[in-house]
PDB file of N, CA and C in Angstrom:
ATOM      1  N   MET A   1     -73.537 -14.039  46.388  1.00  0.00           N
ATOM      2  CA  MET A   1     -73.057 -13.045  45.865  1.00  0.00           C
ATOM      3  C   MET A   1     -71.710 -13.192  45.146  1.00  0.00           C
ATOM      4  N   ARG A   2     -71.264 -12.798  44.021  1.00  0.00           N
ATOM      5  CA  ARG A   2     -69.753 -12.759  43.349  1.00  0.00           C
ATOM      6  C   ARG A   2     -69.188 -11.540  43.348  1.00  0.00           C
ATOM      7  N   VAL A   3     -67.823 -11.754  44.023  1.00  0.00           N
ATOM      8  CA  VAL A   3     -66.964 -10.333  44.091  1.00  0.00           C
ATOM      9  C   VAL A   3     -66.203 -10.574  42.902  1.00  0.00           C
ATOM     10  N   GLU A   4     -65.827  -9.415  42.262  1.00  0.00           N
ATOM     11  CA  GLU A   4     -65.203  -9.547  41.177  1.00  0.00           C
ATOM     12  C   GLU A   4     -63.709  -8.498  41.640  1.00  0.00           C
ATOM     13  N   LYS A   5     -62.407  -9.221  41.099  1.00  0.00           N
ATOM     14  CA  LYS A   5     -61.132  -8.632  41.526  1.00  0.00           C
ATOM     15  C   LYS A   5     -61.256  -7.487  40.645  1.00  0.00           C
ATOM     16  N   GLU A   6     -60.645  -6.775  40.871  1.00  0.00           N
ATOM     17  CA  GLU A   6     -60.422  -5.004  40.350  1.00  0.00           C
ATOM     18  C   GLU A   6     -59.535  -5.482  39.112  1.00  0.00           C
ATOM     19  N   LYS A   7     -59.093  -5.317  37.969  1.00  0.00           N
ATOM     20  CA  LYS A   7     -58.196  -5.624  36.945  1.00  0.00           C
ATOM     21  C   LYS A   7     -57.032  -4.425  37.025  1.00  0.00           C
ATOM     22  N   LYS A   8     -55.945  -4.987  37.603  1.00  0.00           N
ATOM     23  CA  LYS A   8     -54.593  -4.169  37.336  1.00  0.00           C
ATOM     24  C   LYS A   8     -54.501  -3.543  36.145  1.00  0.00           C
ATOM     25  N   SER A   9     -54.450  -2.039  35.644  1.00  0.00           N
ATOM     26  CA  SER A   9     -54.048  -1.798  34.495  1.00  0.00           C
ATOM     27  C   SER A   9     -52.218  -1.976  34.454  1.00  0.00           C
ATOM     28  N   LEU A  10     -52.130  -2.715  32.962  1.00  0.00           N
ATOM     29  CA  LEU A  10     -51.152  -2.670  32.607  1.00  0.00           C
ATOM     30  C   LEU A  10     -50.167  -1.512  32.468  1.00  0.00           C
ATOM     31  N   SER A  11     -49.181  -1.178  33.158  1.00  0.00           N
ATOM     32  CA  SER A  11     -48.034   0.005  32.732  1.00  0.00           C
ATOM     33  C   SER A  11     -47.605  -0.187  31.056  1.00  0.00           C
ATOM     34  N   VAL A  12     -47.178   1.056  30.910  1.00  0.00           N
ATOM     35  CA  VAL A  12     -46.159   1.072  29.377  1.00  0.00           C
ATOM     36  C   VAL A  12     -45.211   0.031  29.510  1.00  0.00           C
ATOM     37  N   ASN A  13     -44.207   0.273  30.621  1.00  0.00           N
ATOM     38  CA  ASN A  13     -43.155  -0.126  30.793  1.00  0.00           C
ATOM     39  C   ASN A  13     -43.714  -1.848  30.877  1.00  0.00           C
ATOM     40  N   ARG A  14     -44.241  -2.747  31.601  1.00  0.00           N
ATOM     41  CA  ARG A  14     -44.418  -3.424  31.392  1.00  0.00           C
ATOM     42  C   ARG A  14     -44.613  -4.517  30.270  1.00  0.00           C
ATOM     43  N   ALA A  15     -45.745  -3.343  29.498  1.00  0.00           N
ATOM     44  CA  ALA A  15     -46.465  -3.726  28.385  1.00  0.00           C
ATOM     45  C   ALA A  15     -45.286  -4.125  27.137  1.00  0.00           C
ATOM     46  N   TRP A  16     -44.027  -3.413  27.191  1.00  0.00           N
ATOM     47  CA  TRP A  16     -42.910  -3.422  26.589  1.00  0.00           C
ATOM     48  C   TRP A  16     -42.127  -4.553  27.021  1.00  0.00           C
ATOM     49  N   LEU A  17     -42.379  -4.791  27.838  1.00  0.00           N
ATOM     50  CA  LEU A  17     -41.613  -6.142  28.780  1.00  0.00           C
ATOM     51  C   LEU A  17     -41.875  -7.338  28.195  1.00  0.00           C
ATOM     52  N   TYR A  18     -43.511  -7.140  28.028  1.00  0.00           N
ATOM     53  CA  TYR A  18     -44.445  -8.106  27.357  1.00  0.00           C
ATOM     54  C   TYR A  18     -43.979  -8.373  25.762  1.00  0.00           C
ATOM     55  N   VAL A  19     -43.743  -7.321  25.127  1.00  0.00           N
ATOM     56  CA  VAL A  19     -43.656  -7.493  23.894  1.00  0.00           C
ATOM     57  C   VAL A  19     -42.004  -8.146  23.358  1.00  0.00           C
ATOM     58  N   LEU A  20     -41.256  -7.566  24.750  1.00  0.00           N
ATOM     59  CA  LEU A  20     -40.033  -7.983  24.329  1.00  0.00           C
ATOM     60  C   LEU A  20     -39.480  -9.617  24.668  1.00  0.00           C
ATOM     61  N   LEU A  21     -40.281 -10.395  25.382  1.00  0.00           N
ATOM     62  CA  LEU A  21     -40.534 -11.579  26.007  1.00  0.00           C
ATOM     63  C   LEU A  21     -41.423 -12.168  24.890  1.00  0.00           C
ATOM     64  N   GLY A  22     -42.395 -11.767  24.273  1.00  0.00           N
ATOM     65  CA  GLY A  22     -42.797 -12.328  23.070  1.00  0.00           C
ATOM     66  C   GLY A  22     -41.981 -12.780  22.084  1.00  0.00           C
ATOM     67  N   GLY A  23     -41.583 -11.120  21.537  1.00  0.00           N
ATOM     68  CA  GLY A  23     -40.760 -11.888  20.491  1.00  0.00           C
ATOM     69  C   GLY A  23     -39.238 -12.694  20.692  1.00  0.00           C
ATOM     70  N   GLY A  24     -38.776 -12.489  21.709  1.00  0.00           N
ATOM     71  CA  GLY A  24     -37.821 -13.885  22.456  1.00  0.00           C
ATOM     72  C   GLY A  24     -38.208 -14.989  22.415  1.00  0.00           C
ATOM     73  N   LEU A  25     -39.828 -15.419  22.559  1.00  0.00           N
ATOM     74  CA  LEU A  25     -40.671 -16.545  22.511  1.00  0.00           C
ATOM     75  C   LEU A  25     -40.806 -16.933  21.088  1.00  0.00           C
ATOM     76  N   GLU A  26     -40.583 -15.667  20.676  1.00  0.00           N
ATOM     77  CA  GLU A  26     -41.607 -16.237  18.695  1.00  0.00           C
ATOM     78  C   GLU A  26     -40.014 -17.270  18.060  1.00  0.00           C
ATOM     79  N   ILE A  27     -38.935 -16.236  18.638  1.00  0.00           N
ATOM     80  CA  ILE A  27     -37.421 -16.930  18.115  1.00  0.00           C
ATOM     81  C   ILE A  27     -37.550 -18.131  18.142  1.00  0.00           C
ATOM     82  N   VAL A  28     -38.118 -19.184  19.404  1.00  0.00           N
ATOM     83  CA  VAL A  28     -37.986 -20.194  20.086  1.00  0.00           C
ATOM     84  C   VAL A  28     -38.779 -20.693  19.016  1.00  0.00           C
ATOM     85  N   TRP A  29     -40.165 -20.855  19.052  1.00  0.00           N
ATOM     86  CA  TRP A  29     -40.981 -21.223  18.229  1.00  0.00           C
ATOM     87  C   TRP A  29     -41.028 -21.229  16.586  1.00  0.00           C
ATOM     88  N   ALA A  30     -40.548 -20.160  16.400  1.00  0.00           N
ATOM     89  CA  ALA A  30     -40.313 -20.111  14.651  1.00  0.00           C
ATOM     90  C   ALA A  30     -39.131 -21.255  14.553  1.00  0.00           C
ATOM     91  N   THR A  31     -38.049 -20.796  15.171  1.00  0.00           N
ATOM     92  CA  THR A  31     -37.017 -21.605  14.922  1.00  0.00           C
ATOM     93  C   THR A  31     -37.651 -23.157  15.194  1.00  0.00           C
ATOM     94  N   GLY A  32     -38.347 -23.355  16.197  1.00  0.00           N
ATOM     95  CA  GLY A  32     -38.554 -24.841  16.563  1.00  0.00           C
ATOM     96  C   GLY A  32     -39.355 -25.611  14.963  1.00  0.00           C
ATOM     97  N   PHE A  33     -39.702 -24.496  14.511  1.00  0.00           N
ATOM     98  CA  PHE A  33     -40.665 -25.146  12.771  1.00  0.00           C
ATOM     99  C   PHE A  33     -39.460 -26.171  11.720  1.00  0.00           C
ATOM    100  N   LYS A  34     -38.101 -25.067  12.248  1.00  0.00           N
ATOM    101  CA  LYS A  34     -37.413 -25.514  11.131  1.00  0.00           C
ATOM    102  C   LYS A  34     -36.660 -26.713  11.531  1.00  0.00           C
ATOM    103  N   TYR A  35     -35.856 -26.812  12.860  1.00  0.00           N
ATOM    104  CA  TYR A  35     -34.749 -27.584  13.562  1.00  0.00           C
ATOM    105  C   TYR A  35     -35.585 -28.386  14.669  1.00  0.00           C
ATOM    106  N   GLU A  36     -35.405 -29.609  14.541  1.00  0.00           N
ATOM    107  CA  GLU A  36     -35.498 -30.883  14.925  1.00  0.00           C
ATOM    108  C   GLU A  36     -35.643 -30.262  16.997  1.00  0.00           C
ATOM    109  N   ALA A  37     -34.381 -29.534  17.335  1.00  0.00           N
ATOM    110  CA  ALA A  37     -33.816 -29.750  18.228  1.00  0.00           C
ATOM    111  C   ALA A  37     -34.690 -29.507  20.007  1.00  0.00           C
ATOM    112  N   ILE A  38     -35.236 -28.462  18.602  1.00  0.00           N
ATOM    113  CA  ILE A  38     -36.660 -27.752  19.913  1.00  0.00           C
ATOM    114  C   ILE A  38     -37.289 -28.661  19.992  1.00  0.00           C
ATOM    115  N   PRO A  39     -37.880 -29.296  21.066  1.00  0.00           N
ATOM    116  CA  PRO A  39     -38.864 -30.306  21.123  1.00  0.00           C
ATOM    117  C   PRO A  39     -40.352 -29.337  20.905  1.00  0.00           C
ATOM    118  N   SER A  40     -41.499 -30.131  20.287  1.00  0.00           N
ATOM    119  CA  SER A  40     -42.641 -29.847  19.883  1.00  0.00           C
ATOM    120  C   SER A  40     -43.731 -29.135  20.977  1.00  0.00           C
ATOM    121  N   LEU A  41     -43.556 -29.752  22.028  1.00  0.00           N
ATOM    122  CA  LEU A  41     -43.987 -29.466  23.090  1.00  0.00           C
ATOM    123  C   LEU A  41     -43.763 -27.927  23.647  1.00  0.00           C
ATOM    124  N   ILE A  42     -41.958 -27.595  23.866  1.00  0.00           N
ATOM    125  CA  ILE A  42     -41.933 -26.291  23.853  1.00  0.00           C
ATOM    126  C   ILE A  42     -42.243 -25.078  22.425  1.00  0.00           C
ATOM    127  N   VAL A  43     -42.217 -25.725  21.282  1.00  0.00           N
ATOM    128  CA  VAL A  43     -42.516 -24.885  20.405  1.00  0.00           C
ATOM    129  C   VAL A  43     -44.399 -24.494  20.578  1.00  0.00           C
ATOM    130  N   LEU A  44     -44.717 -25.282  21.076  1.00  0.00           N
ATOM    131  CA  LEU A  44     -46.321 -25.032  21.342  1.00  0.00           C
ATOM    132  C   LEU A  44     -46.395 -24.390  22.342  1.00  0.00           C
ATOM    133  N   ILE A  45     -45.912 -24.386  23.659  1.00  0.00           N
ATOM    134  CA  ILE A  45     -45.527 -23.331  24.619  1.00  0.00           C
ATOM    135  C   ILE A  45     -45.549 -22.171  24.247  1.00  0.00           C
ATOM    136  N   ALA A  46     -44.475 -21.851  23.663  1.00  0.00           N
ATOM    137  CA  ALA A  46     -43.869 -20.406  23.294  1.00  0.00           C
ATOM    138  C   ALA A  46     -44.515 -19.982  22.405  1.00  0.00           C
ATOM    139  N   LEU A  47     -44.920 -20.583  21.476  1.00  0.00           N
ATOM    140  CA  LEU A  47     -46.070 -20.226  20.375  1.00  0.00           C
ATOM    141  C   LEU A  47     -47.322 -19.628  21.442  1.00  0.00           C
ATOM    142  N   LEU A  48     -48.019 -20.383  22.110  1.00  0.00           N
ATOM    143  CA  LEU A  48     -49.332 -19.512  23.019  1.00  0.00           C
ATOM    144  C   LEU A  48     -48.777 -18.524  23.665  1.00  0.00           C
ATOM    145  N   VAL A  49     -47.526 -18.828  24.677  1.00  0.00           N
ATOM    146  CA  VAL A  49     -47.510 -17.849  25.849  1.00  0.00           C
ATOM    147  C   VAL A  49     -47.230 -16.596  24.854  1.00  0.00           C
ATOM    148  N   SER A  50     -45.934 -16.441  23.584  1.00  0.00           N
ATOM    149  CA  SER A  50     -45.989 -15.351  23.028  1.00  0.00           C
ATOM    150  C   SER A  50     -46.953 -14.759  22.453  1.00  0.00           C
ATOM    151  N   PHE A  51     -48.093 -15.482  22.187  1.00  0.00           N
ATOM    152  CA  PHE A  51     -49.305 -14.587  21.712  1.00  0.00           C
ATOM    153  C   PHE A  51     -50.163 -13.941  22.651  1.00  0.00           C
ATOM    154  N   ASP A  52     -49.995 -14.606  23.924  1.00  0.00           N
ATOM    155  CA  ASP A  52     -50.657 -13.983  25.071  1.00  0.00           C
ATOM    156  C   ASP A  52     -49.756 -13.088  25.533  1.00  0.00           C
ATOM    157  N   LEU A  53     -48.895 -12.906  25.457  1.00  0.00           N
ATOM    158  CA  LEU A  53     -48.292 -11.420  25.753  1.00  0.00           C
ATOM    159  C   LEU A  53     -48.407 -10.677  24.843  1.00  0.00           C
ATOM    160  N   ILE A  54     -48.369 -10.876  23.542  1.00  0.00           N
ATOM    161  CA  ILE A  54     -47.959  -9.473  22.746  1.00  0.00           C
ATOM    162  C   ILE A  54     -49.912  -8.976  22.720  1.00  0.00           C
ATOM    163  N   ILE A  55     -50.926 -10.033  22.953  1.00  0.00           N
ATOM    164  CA  ILE A  55     -52.549  -9.394  23.167  1.00  0.00           C
ATOM    165  C   ILE A  55     -52.655  -8.851  24.620  1.00  0.00           C
ATOM    166  N   ARG A  56     -52.041  -8.902  25.628  1.00  0.00           N
ATOM    167  CA  ARG A  56     -51.586  -7.874  26.801  1.00  0.00           C
ATOM    168  C   ARG A  56     -51.011  -6.843  26.609  1.00  0.00           C
ATOM    169  N   ALA A  57     -49.851  -6.872  25.548  1.00  0.00           N
ATOM    170  CA  ALA A  57     -49.008  -5.360  25.527  1.00  0.00           C
ATOM    171  C   ALA A  57     -50.172  -4.545  24.450  1.00  0.00           C
ATOM    172  N   ALA A  58     -50.760  -5.528  23.206  1.00  0.00           N
ATOM    173  CA  ALA A  58     -51.871  -4.695  23.043  1.00  0.00           C
ATOM    174  C   ALA A  58     -52.661  -3.933  23.555  1.00  0.00           C
ATOM    175  N   THR A  59     -52.763  -4.134  24.407  1.00  0.00           N
ATOM    176  CA  THR A  59     -54.453  -3.473  25.243  1.00  0.00           C
ATOM    177  C   THR A  59     -53.568  -2.129  25.801  1.00  0.00           C
ATOM    178  N   VAL A  60     -52.284  -2.062  25.945  1.00  0.00           N
ATOM    179  CA  VAL A  60     -51.628  -0.449  26.455  1.00  0.00           C
ATOM    180  C   VAL A  60     -51.038   0.159  25.054  1.00  0.00           C
ATOM    181  N   ILE A  61     -50.331  -0.596  24.178  1.00  0.00           N
ATOM    182  CA  ILE A  61     -49.495   0.133  23.344  1.00  0.00           C
ATOM    183  C   ILE A  61     -50.040  -0.212  21.894  1.00  0.00           C
ATOM    184  N   PRO A  62     -49.973   0.489  21.031  1.00  0.00           N
ATOM    185  CA  PRO A  62     -50.817   0.462  19.663  1.00  0.00           C
ATOM    186  C   PRO A  62     -50.505  -0.773  19.243  1.00  0.00           C
ATOM    187  N   ILE A  63     -51.583  -1.427  18.959  1.00  0.00           N
ATOM    188  CA  ILE A  63     -51.612  -3.003  18.023  1.00  0.00           C
ATOM    189  C   ILE A  63     -50.438  -2.746  16.943  1.00  0.00           C
ATOM    190  N   GLY A  64     -50.583  -2.029  16.033  1.00  0.00           N
ATOM    191  CA  GLY A  64     -49.506  -1.641  14.724  1.00  0.00           C
ATOM    192  C   GLY A  64     -47.996  -1.847  15.679  1.00  0.00           C
ATOM    193  N   THR A  65     -47.895  -0.745  16.710  1.00  0.00           N
ATOM    194  CA  THR A  65     -46.397  -1.007  17.209  1.00  0.00           C
ATOM    195  C   THR A  65     -46.096  -2.111  17.681  1.00  0.00           C
ATOM    196  N   VAL A  66     -47.175  -2.557  18.599  1.00  0.00           N
ATOM    197  CA  VAL A  66     -46.872  -4.230  19.090  1.00  0.00           C
ATOM    198  C   VAL A  66     -46.746  -5.448  18.271  1.00  0.00           C
ATOM    199  N   TYR A  67     -47.111  -5.491  16.942  1.00  0.00           N
ATOM    200  CA  TYR A  67     -46.956  -6.319  16.130  1.00  0.00           C
ATOM    201  C   TYR A  67     -45.670  -6.106  15.242  1.00  0.00           C
ATOM    202  N   ALA A  68     -45.420  -5.019  14.882  1.00  0.00           N
ATOM    203  CA  ALA A  68     -44.222  -4.748  14.220  1.00  0.00           C
ATOM    204  C   ALA A  68     -43.354  -5.380  14.831  1.00  0.00           C
ATOM    205  N   VAL A  69     -42.826  -4.666  16.003  1.00  0.00           N
ATOM    206  CA  VAL A  69     -41.609  -4.753  16.968  1.00  0.00           C
ATOM    207  C   VAL A  69     -41.552  -6.479  17.028  1.00  0.00           C
ATOM    208  N   PHE A  70     -42.836  -7.252  17.502  1.00  0.00           N
ATOM    209  CA  PHE A  70     -42.681  -8.432  17.863  1.00  0.00           C
ATOM    210  C   PHE A  70     -42.176  -9.199  16.278  1.00  0.00           C
ATOM    211  N   ALA A  71     -43.048  -8.984  15.540  1.00  0.00           N
ATOM    212  CA  ALA A  71     -42.403  -9.869  14.130  1.00  0.00           C
ATOM    213  C   ALA A  71     -41.193  -9.422  13.693  1.00  0.00           C
ATOM    214  N   GLY A  72     -40.611  -7.998  13.844  1.00  0.00           N
ATOM    215  CA  GLY A  72     -39.218  -7.478  13.624  1.00  0.00           C
ATOM    216  C   GLY A  72     -38.261  -8.551  14.752  1.00  0.00           C
ATOM    217  N   MET A  73     -38.467  -8.612  15.875  1.00  0.00           N
ATOM    218  CA  MET A  73     -37.638  -9.337  16.408  1.00  0.00           C
ATOM    219  C   MET A  73     -37.730 -10.826  16.245  1.00  0.00           C
ATOM    220  N   GLY A  74     -38.699 -11.003  15.243  1.00  0.00           N
ATOM    221  CA  GLY A  74     -38.332 -12.837  15.582  1.00  0.00           C
ATOM    222  C   GLY A  74     -38.053 -12.770  14.037  1.00  0.00           C
ATOM    223  N   THR A  75     -37.866 -11.717  13.047  1.00  0.00           N
ATOM    224  CA  THR A  75     -37.935 -11.705  11.598  1.00  0.00           C
ATOM    225  C   THR A  75     -35.949 -11.888  12.231  1.00  0.00           C
ATOM    226  N   ILE A  76     -35.674 -11.050  13.236  1.00  0.00           N
ATOM    227  CA  ILE A  76     -34.158 -11.182  13.058  1.00  0.00           C
ATOM    228  C   ILE A  76     -33.435 -11.849  13.979  1.00  0.00           C
ATOM    229  N   GLY A  77     -34.192 -12.645  15.170  1.00  0.00           N
ATOM    230  CA  GLY A  77     -33.756 -13.644  16.230  1.00  0.00           C
ATOM    231  C   GLY A  77     -33.435 -14.857  14.847  1.00  0.00           C
ATOM    232  N   THR A  78     -34.864 -15.120  14.311  1.00  0.00           N
ATOM    233  CA  THR A  78     -34.417 -16.393  13.692  1.00  0.00           C
ATOM    234  C   THR A  78     -33.249 -16.029  12.511  1.00  0.00           C
ATOM    235  N   THR A  79     -33.580 -15.186  11.915  1.00  0.00           N
ATOM    236  CA  THR A  79     -32.431 -15.063  11.071  1.00  0.00           C
ATOM    237  C   THR A  79     -31.205 -15.559  11.612  1.00  0.00           C
ATOM    238  N   VAL A  80     -30.383 -14.840  12.920  1.00  0.00           N
ATOM    239  CA  VAL A  80     -29.526 -14.806  13.519  1.00  0.00           C
ATOM    240  C   VAL A  80     -29.166 -16.331  13.775  1.00  0.00           C
ATOM    241  N   VAL A  81     -30.016 -17.347  13.844  1.00  0.00           N
ATOM    242  CA  VAL A  81     -30.281 -18.355  14.666  1.00  0.00           C
ATOM    243  C   VAL A  81     -29.983 -19.393  13.275  1.00  0.00           C
ATOM    244  N   GLU A  82     -30.844 -18.904  12.468  1.00  0.00           N
ATOM    245  CA  GLU A  82     -30.329 -19.856  11.179  1.00  0.00           C
ATOM    246  C   GLU A  82     -28.605 -19.311  10.612  1.00  0.00           C
ATOM    247  N   GLY A  83     -28.329 -18.399  10.613  1.00  0.00           N
ATOM    248  CA  GLY A  83     -27.249 -17.932  10.237  1.00  0.00           C
ATOM    249  C   GLY A  83     -26.343 -19.250  11.180  1.00  0.00           C
ATOM    250  N   VAL A  84     -26.402 -19.173  12.396  1.00  0.00           N
ATOM    251  CA  VAL A  84     -25.438 -19.773  13.747  1.00  0.00           C
ATOM    252  C   VAL A  84     -25.851 -21.573  12.844  1.00  0.00           C
ATOM    253  N   MET A  85     -26.594 -21.880  12.668  1.00  0.00           N
ATOM    254  CA  MET A  85     -27.192 -23.043  12.597  1.00  0.00           C
ATOM    255  C   MET A  85     -26.331 -23.594  10.919  1.00  0.00           C
ATOM    256  N   GLU A  86     -26.776 -22.633  10.054  1.00  0.00           N
ATOM    257  CA  GLU A  86     -26.363 -23.157   8.815  1.00  0.00           C
ATOM    258  C   GLU A  86     -25.003 -22.693   8.421  1.00  0.00           C
ATOM    259  N   GLY A  87     -24.172 -21.602   9.185  1.00  0.00           N
ATOM    260  CA  GLY A  87     -22.718 -21.099   9.136  1.00  0.00           C
ATOM    261  C   GLY A  87     -22.303 -20.205   8.076  1.00  0.00           C
ATOM    262  N   GLY A  88     -23.684 -19.144   8.363  1.00  0.00           N
ATOM    263  CA  GLY A  88     -23.166 -17.708   8.055  1.00  0.00           C
ATOM    264  C   GLY A  88     -24.128 -16.986   7.404  1.00  0.00           C
ATOM    265  N   ILE A  89     -24.130 -15.776   7.119  1.00  0.00           N
ATOM    266  CA  ILE A  89     -25.423 -14.886   6.918  1.00  0.00           C
ATOM    267  C   ILE A  89     -24.335 -14.214   5.995  1.00  0.00           C
ATOM    268  N   LEU A  90     -25.082 -14.001   4.693  1.00  0.00           N
ATOM    269  CA  LEU A  90     -24.584 -12.492   3.379  1.00  0.00           C
ATOM    270  C   LEU A  90     -24.621 -11.361   4.152  1.00  0.00           C
ATOM    271  N   PRO A  91     -23.620 -10.870   3.452  1.00  0.00           N
ATOM    272  CA  PRO A  91     -23.423  -9.187   4.364  1.00  0.00           C
ATOM    273  C   PRO A  91     -24.940  -8.555   4.137  1.00  0.00           C
ATOM    274  N   LEU A  92     -25.345  -8.521   2.581  1.00  0.00           N
ATOM    275  CA  LEU A  92     -26.334  -7.651   2.389  1.00  0.00           C
ATOM    276  C   LEU A  92     -27.771  -8.247   3.246  1.00  0.00           C
ATOM    277  N   LYS A  93     -27.471  -9.453   3.637  1.00  0.00           N
ATOM    278  CA  LYS A  93     -28.631  -9.580   4.914  1.00  0.00           C
ATOM    279  C   LYS A  93     -28.210  -9.104   5.852  1.00  0.00           C
ATOM    280  N   VAL A  94     -26.929  -8.799   6.297  1.00  0.00           N
ATOM    281  CA  VAL A  94     -26.800  -7.953   7.237  1.00  0.00           C
ATOM    282  C   VAL A  94     -27.061  -6.627   7.352  1.00  0.00           C
ATOM    283  N   VAL A  95     -26.883  -5.890   6.299  1.00  0.00           N
ATOM    284  CA  VAL A  95     -27.456  -4.669   6.314  1.00  0.00           C
ATOM    285  C   VAL A  95     -29.017  -4.567   6.175  1.00  0.00           C
ATOM    286  N   VAL A  96     -29.424  -5.609   6.097  1.00  0.00           N
ATOM    287  CA  VAL A  96     -31.183  -5.603   5.938  1.00  0.00           C
ATOM    288  C   VAL A  96     -31.735  -5.590   7.128  1.00  0.00           C
ATOM    289  N   ILE A  97     -31.435  -6.256   7.647  1.00  0.00           N
ATOM    290  CA  ILE A  97     -31.675  -6.530   9.312  1.00  0.00           C
ATOM    291  C   ILE A  97     -31.091  -5.655   9.827  1.00  0.00           C
ATOM    292  N   LEU A  98     -29.974  -4.861   9.888  1.00  0.00           N
ATOM    293  CA  LEU A  98     -29.379  -3.927  10.630  1.00  0.00           C
ATOM    294  C   LEU A  98     -30.678  -2.479  10.488  1.00  0.00           C
ATOM    295  N   PHE A  99     -31.534  -2.411   9.411  1.00  0.00           N
ATOM    296  CA  PHE A  99     -32.261  -1.668   8.639  1.00  0.00           C
ATOM    297  C   PHE A  99     -33.536  -1.783   9.660  1.00  0.00           C
ATOM    298  N   LEU A 100     -34.219  -3.107   9.689  1.00  0.00           N
ATOM    299  CA  LEU A 100     -35.231  -3.124  10.060  1.00  0.00           C
ATOM    300  C   LEU A 100     -35.126  -2.862  11.393  1.00  0.00           C
ATOM    301  N   LEU A 101     -33.829  -3.282  12.570  1.00  0.00           N
ATOM    302  CA  LEU A 101     -33.453  -2.986  13.628  1.00  0.00           C
ATOM    303  C   LEU A 101     -33.803  -1.505  14.011  1.00  0.00           C
ATOM    304  N   LEU A 102     -33.373  -0.970  13.600  1.00  0.00           N
ATOM    305  CA  LEU A 102     -33.355   0.474  13.192  1.00  0.00           C
ATOM    306  C   LEU A 102     -34.842   0.928  13.353  1.00  0.00           C
ATOM    307  N   CYS A 103     -35.658   0.265  12.080  1.00  0.00           N
ATOM    308  CA  CYS A 103     -36.906   0.519  12.643  1.00  0.00           C
ATOM    309  C   CYS A 103     -37.764   0.554  13.609  1.00  0.00           C
ATOM    310  N   ILE A 104     -37.572  -0.930  14.147  1.00  0.00           N
ATOM    311  CA  ILE A 104     -37.973  -1.202  15.284  1.00  0.00           C
ATOM    312  C   ILE A 104     -37.885  -0.504  16.651  1.00  0.00           C
ATOM    313  N   ILE A 105     -36.603  -0.083  16.539  1.00  0.00           N
ATOM    314  CA  ILE A 105     -36.109   1.102  17.558  1.00  0.00           C
ATOM    315  C   ILE A 105     -37.031   2.126  16.972  1.00  0.00           C
ATOM    316  N   GLY A 106     -36.833   2.709  16.021  1.00  0.00           N
ATOM    317  CA  GLY A 106     -37.722   4.067  15.922  1.00  0.00           C
ATOM    318  C   GLY A 106     -39.483   3.710  16.140  1.00  0.00           C
ATOM    319  N   LEU A 107     -39.937   2.916  15.928  1.00  0.00           N
ATOM    320  CA  LEU A 107     -41.254   2.503  16.494  1.00  0.00           C
ATOM    321  C   LEU A 107     -41.162   2.513  18.057  1.00  0.00           C
ATOM    322  N   LYS A 108     -40.427   1.945  18.926  1.00  0.00           N
ATOM    323  CA  LYS A 108     -40.424   2.053  20.293  1.00  0.00           C
ATOM    324  C   LYS A 108     -40.288   3.384  20.332  1.00  0.00           C
ATOM    325  N   THR A 109     -39.372   4.046  20.287  1.00  0.00           N
ATOM    326  CA  THR A 109     -39.114   5.931  20.436  1.00  0.00           C
ATOM    327  C   THR A 109     -40.376   6.531  20.040  1.00  0.00           C
ATOM    328  N   THR A 110     -40.788   6.161  19.158  1.00  0.00           N
ATOM    329  CA  THR A 110     -42.236   7.271  19.093  1.00  0.00           C
ATOM    330  C   THR A 110     -43.874   6.986  19.299  1.00  0.00           C
ATOM    331  N   SER A 111     -43.392   5.805  20.226  1.00  0.00           N
ATOM    332  CA  SER A 111     -44.804   5.161  20.675  1.00  0.00           C
ATOM    333  C   SER A 111     -45.171   6.316  21.632  1.00  0.00           C
ATOM    334  N   LYS A 112     -46.552   6.680  21.389  1.00  0.00           N
ATOM    335  CA  LYS A 112     -46.945   7.055  22.588  1.00  0.00           C
ATOM    336  C   LYS A 112     -47.258   6.009  24.223  1.00  0.00           C
ATOM    337  N   GLY A 113     -47.535   4.808  23.624  1.00  0.00           N
ATOM    338  CA  GLY A 113     -48.230   3.846  24.786  1.00  0.00           C
ATOM    339  C   GLY A 113     -49.634   3.909  24.636  1.00  0.00           C
ATOM    340  N   GLY A 114     -50.233   4.589  24.304  1.00  0.00           N
ATOM    341  CA  GLY A 114     -51.659   4.891  24.558  1.00  0.00           C
ATOM    342  C   GLY A 114     -52.475   3.702  23.509  1.00  0.00           C
ATOM    343  N   LYS A 115     -53.675   3.801  23.864  1.00  0.00           N
ATOM    344  CA  LYS A 115     -54.759   2.996  22.463  1.00  0.00           C
ATOM    345  C   LYS A 115     -54.783   4.301  21.556  1.00  0.00           C
ATOM    346  N   VAL A 116     -55.057   3.165  20.242  1.00  0.00           N
ATOM    347  CA  VAL A 116     -55.140   4.137  19.665  1.00  0.00           C
ATOM    348  C   VAL A 116     -56.603   4.432  18.930  1.00  0.00           C
TER     349      VAL A 116
END
């Protein structure tokens, strides 16, 4: 006879933590595609873990919100990293990035955290 473990349901706060961690790891793997300073193994691990985290978060938070925040974090983070590595960011790009950040915060604050 096989005994199955009860699955713990993921809290909304934990799901948002997963989205944030997944977004941070997206910055690592996306940056690793361009810059050789990040080893390929690290890029692969970051890629797999980031997607695992957003898949788990999407069981609690609407998938559209999860993916928008995840992709937005990756966009902002990789742009900042590129600005540091390349020596600067155009002012218009900063304005667009700040607008994107405002939209991400708006998604977070308007999300009910339930399934769609």
